[in-house]
């Protein structure tokens, strides 16, 4: 599950493991949230709350922590 976002984007969906599919879905949703924030569609508080909820519901705490390094 150490593939980069770009590598996962290029991969055939059927060939991905369940964990890779979840990671890709999380990263796509995070990217959408980031774009909403950049374009002023949501506030920083809304972004942070939504991202926190996304991390919790998808169990991606380790994913986020590993990207903070």
Protein backbone atom coordinates (compact mmCIF):
# COMPACT_ATOMS: atom_id res chain seq x y z
CA UNK A 1 0.00 0.00 0.00
CA UNK A 2 3.00 2.25 -0.47
CA UNK A 3 1.99 3.35 -3.95
CA UNK A 4 1.84 7.07 -4.59
CA UNK A 5 -1.39 8.85 -5.44
CA UNK A 6 -0.25 9.24 -9.07
CA UNK A 7 0.53 5.52 -9.32
CA UNK A 8 -2.85 4.60 -7.84
CA UNK A 9 -4.62 6.98 -10.25
CA UNK A 10 -3.02 5.19 -13.21
CA UNK A 11 -3.70 1.69 -11.93
CA UNK A 12 -6.59 -0.40 -13.20
CA UNK A 13 -9.31 -0.25 -10.53
CA UNK A 14 -9.90 -4.00 -10.64
CA UNK A 15 -6.25 -4.76 -9.96
CA UNK A 16 -6.15 -2.69 -6.76
CA UNK A 17 -6.52 -4.25 -3.34
CA UNK A 18 -9.35 -3.20 -1.05
CA UNK A 19 -6.92 -1.10 1.00
CA UNK A 20 -5.55 0.61 -2.12
CA UNK A 21 -9.06 1.41 -3.32
CA UNK A 22 -9.93 2.93 0.06
CA UNK A 23 -6.71 4.96 0.07
CA UNK A 24 -7.37 6.24 -3.45
CA UNK A 25 -10.94 7.17 -2.56
CA UNK A 26 -9.70 9.01 0.54
CA UNK A 27 -7.05 10.89 -1.43
CA UNK A 28 -9.56 11.90 -4.11
CA UNK A 29 -12.00 13.17 -1.50
CA UNK A 30 -9.23 15.06 0.30
CA UNK A 31 -8.16 16.63 -3.00
CA UNK A 32 -11.74 17.77 -3.61
CA UNK A 33 -11.92 19.32 -0.14
CA UNK A 34 -8.60 21.09 -0.76
CA UNK A 35 -9.87 22.48 -4.08
CA UNK A 36 -13.08 23.76 -2.44
CA UNK A 37 -10.95 25.57 0.13
CA UNK A 38 -8.60 27.03 -2.50
CA UNK A 39 -11.53 28.39 -4.49
CA UNK A 40 -13.29 29.84 -1.45
CA UNK A 41 -16.27 27.50 -1.69
CA UNK A 42 -15.79 26.48 1.95
CA UNK A 43 -14.12 28.11 4.94
CA UNK A 44 -10.97 26.81 6.63
CA UNK A 45 -13.13 25.67 9.56
CA UNK A 46 -15.46 23.72 7.22
CA UNK A 47 -12.46 22.17 5.48
CA UNK A 48 -10.84 21.14 8.75
CA UNK A 49 -14.06 19.66 10.14
CA UNK A 50 -14.81 17.76 6.93
CA UNK A 51 -11.25 16.46 6.69
CA UNK A 52 -11.30 15.35 10.32
CA UNK A 53 -14.60 13.52 9.77
CA UNK A 54 -13.27 11.91 6.57
CA UNK A 55 -10.12 10.71 8.34
CA UNK A 56 -12.11 9.26 11.22
CA UNK A 57 -14.81 7.57 9.12
CA UNK A 58 -12.37 6.06 6.64
CA UNK A 59 -9.80 5.07 9.26
CA UNK A 60 -7.04 7.02 7.55
CA UNK A 61 -5.29 8.45 10.61
CA UNK A 62 -2.08 6.54 9.79
CA UNK A 63 -2.26 7.77 6.17
CA UNK A 64 -2.39 11.41 7.25
CA UNK A 65 0.32 10.99 9.89
CA UNK A 66 2.69 9.35 7.39
CA UNK A 67 2.21 12.31 5.00
CA UNK A 68 3.07 14.81 7.76
CA UNK A 69 6.74 13.69 7.80
